[in-house]
Amino acid sequence: MGLSNELKEILACPKCKGSLEFLEDRGEIHCKACRLAYRIEGDLPVMLIDEARPLGE
């Protein structure tokens, strides 16, 4: 099913409140400003800063 368009429209990076890039095929959401990747488990985004991984790893 994936993330709904309504959810994508309201989600923002929890750290900088900036826009996000959704890579559902990889199970990730990226914030390019903070250089963080948040995971998607099932159809739920895990938007916890402490659980995000730095981009490039």
C-alpha atoms as a PDB file:
ATOM      1  CA  MET A   1       0.000   0.000   0.000  1.00  0.00           C
ATOM      2  CA  GLY A   2       2.740   2.506   0.885  1.00  0.00           C
ATOM      3  CA  LEU A   3       2.470   5.894   2.515  1.00  0.00           C
ATOM      4  CA  SER A   4      -0.632   7.888   1.690  1.00  0.00           C
ATOM      5  CA  ASN A   5      -0.303  11.154  -0.201  1.00  0.00           C
ATOM      6  CA  GLU A   6      -2.036  12.944   2.681  1.00  0.00           C
ATOM      7  CA  LEU A   7       0.630  11.713   5.112  1.00  0.00           C
ATOM      8  CA  LYS A   8       3.441  12.708   2.763  1.00  0.00           C
ATOM      9  CA  GLU A   9       1.998  16.220   2.530  1.00  0.00           C
ATOM     10  CA  ILE A  10       2.041  16.792   6.304  1.00  0.00           C
ATOM     11  CA  LEU A  11       5.283  15.019   7.263  1.00  0.00           C
ATOM     12  CA  ALA A  12       8.330  17.173   7.920  1.00  0.00           C
ATOM     13  CA  CYS A  13      11.776  16.446   9.280  1.00  0.00           C
ATOM     14  CA  PRO A  14      11.495  16.304  13.081  1.00  0.00           C
ATOM     15  CA  LYS A  15      14.920  17.942  13.433  1.00  0.00           C
ATOM     16  CA  CYS A  16      14.807  20.912  11.027  1.00  0.00           C
ATOM     17  CA  LYS A  17      11.087  20.892  10.081  1.00  0.00           C
ATOM     18  CA  GLY A  18      12.171  20.835   6.426  1.00  0.00           C
ATOM     19  CA  SER A  19      10.852  18.925   3.435  1.00  0.00           C
ATOM     20  CA  LEU A  20      11.512  15.228   2.900  1.00  0.00           C
ATOM     21  CA  GLU A  21      12.283  12.898   0.020  1.00  0.00           C
ATOM     22  CA  PHE A  22      10.324   9.635   0.087  1.00  0.00           C
ATOM     23  CA  LEU A  23      12.149   6.538  -1.169  1.00  0.00           C
ATOM     24  CA  GLU A  24       9.494   3.945  -0.439  1.00  0.00           C
ATOM     25  CA  ASP A  25      11.162   1.316  -2.644  1.00  0.00           C
ATOM     26  CA  ARG A  26      14.165   1.508  -0.271  1.00  0.00           C
ATOM     27  CA  GLY A  27      12.022   1.837   2.855  1.00  0.00           C
ATOM     28  CA  GLU A  28      13.467   5.233   3.712  1.00  0.00           C
ATOM     29  CA  ILE A  29      12.639   8.907   4.026  1.00  0.00           C
ATOM     30  CA  HIS A  30      15.515  11.346   3.519  1.00  0.00           C
ATOM     31  CA  CYS A  31      16.080  14.854   4.809  1.00  0.00           C
ATOM     32  CA  LYS A  32      18.783  16.333   2.619  1.00  0.00           C
ATOM     33  CA  ALA A  33      19.161  19.429   4.829  1.00  0.00           C
ATOM     34  CA  CYS A  34      20.020  17.373   7.934  1.00  0.00           C
ATOM     35  CA  ARG A  35      21.557  14.513   5.936  1.00  0.00           C
ATOM     36  CA  LEU A  36      19.442  11.969   7.827  1.00  0.00           C
ATOM     37  CA  ALA A  37      17.554   8.877   6.689  1.00  0.00           C
ATOM     38  CA  TYR A  38      14.452   7.748   8.545  1.00  0.00           C
ATOM     39  CA  ARG A  39      13.176   4.206   8.011  1.00  0.00           C
ATOM     40  CA  ILE A  40       9.729   3.041   6.999  1.00  0.00           C
ATOM     41  CA  GLU A  41       8.533  -0.110   8.792  1.00  0.00           C
ATOM     42  CA  GLY A  42       5.550  -1.669   7.091  1.00  0.00           C
ATOM     43  CA  ASP A  43       3.576   1.410   6.099  1.00  0.00           C
ATOM     44  CA  LEU A  44       4.644   3.477   9.108  1.00  0.00           C
ATOM     45  CA  PRO A  45       7.420   6.074   9.047  1.00  0.00           C
ATOM     46  CA  VAL A  46       9.740   5.992  12.068  1.00  0.00           C
ATOM     47  CA  MET A  47      10.446   9.708  12.484  1.00  0.00           C
ATOM     48  CA  LEU A  48      12.653   9.532  15.578  1.00  0.00           C
ATOM     49  CA  ILE A  49      15.852  11.578  15.384  1.00  0.00           C
ATOM     50  CA  ASP A  50      17.708   9.128  17.638  1.00  0.00           C
ATOM     51  CA  GLU A  51      16.871   6.241  15.295  1.00  0.00           C
ATOM     52  CA  ALA A  52      17.735   8.029  12.041  1.00  0.00           C
ATOM     53  CA  ARG A  53      20.973   7.164  10.290  1.00  0.00           C
ATOM     54  CA  PRO A  54      23.297   9.641   8.648  1.00  0.00           C
ATOM     55  CA  LEU A  55      23.027   9.697   4.853  1.00  0.00           C
ATOM     56  CA  GLY A  56      26.021   8.273   3.060  1.00  0.00           C
ATOM     57  CA  GLU A  57      26.375   5.224   5.304  1.00  0.00           C
END
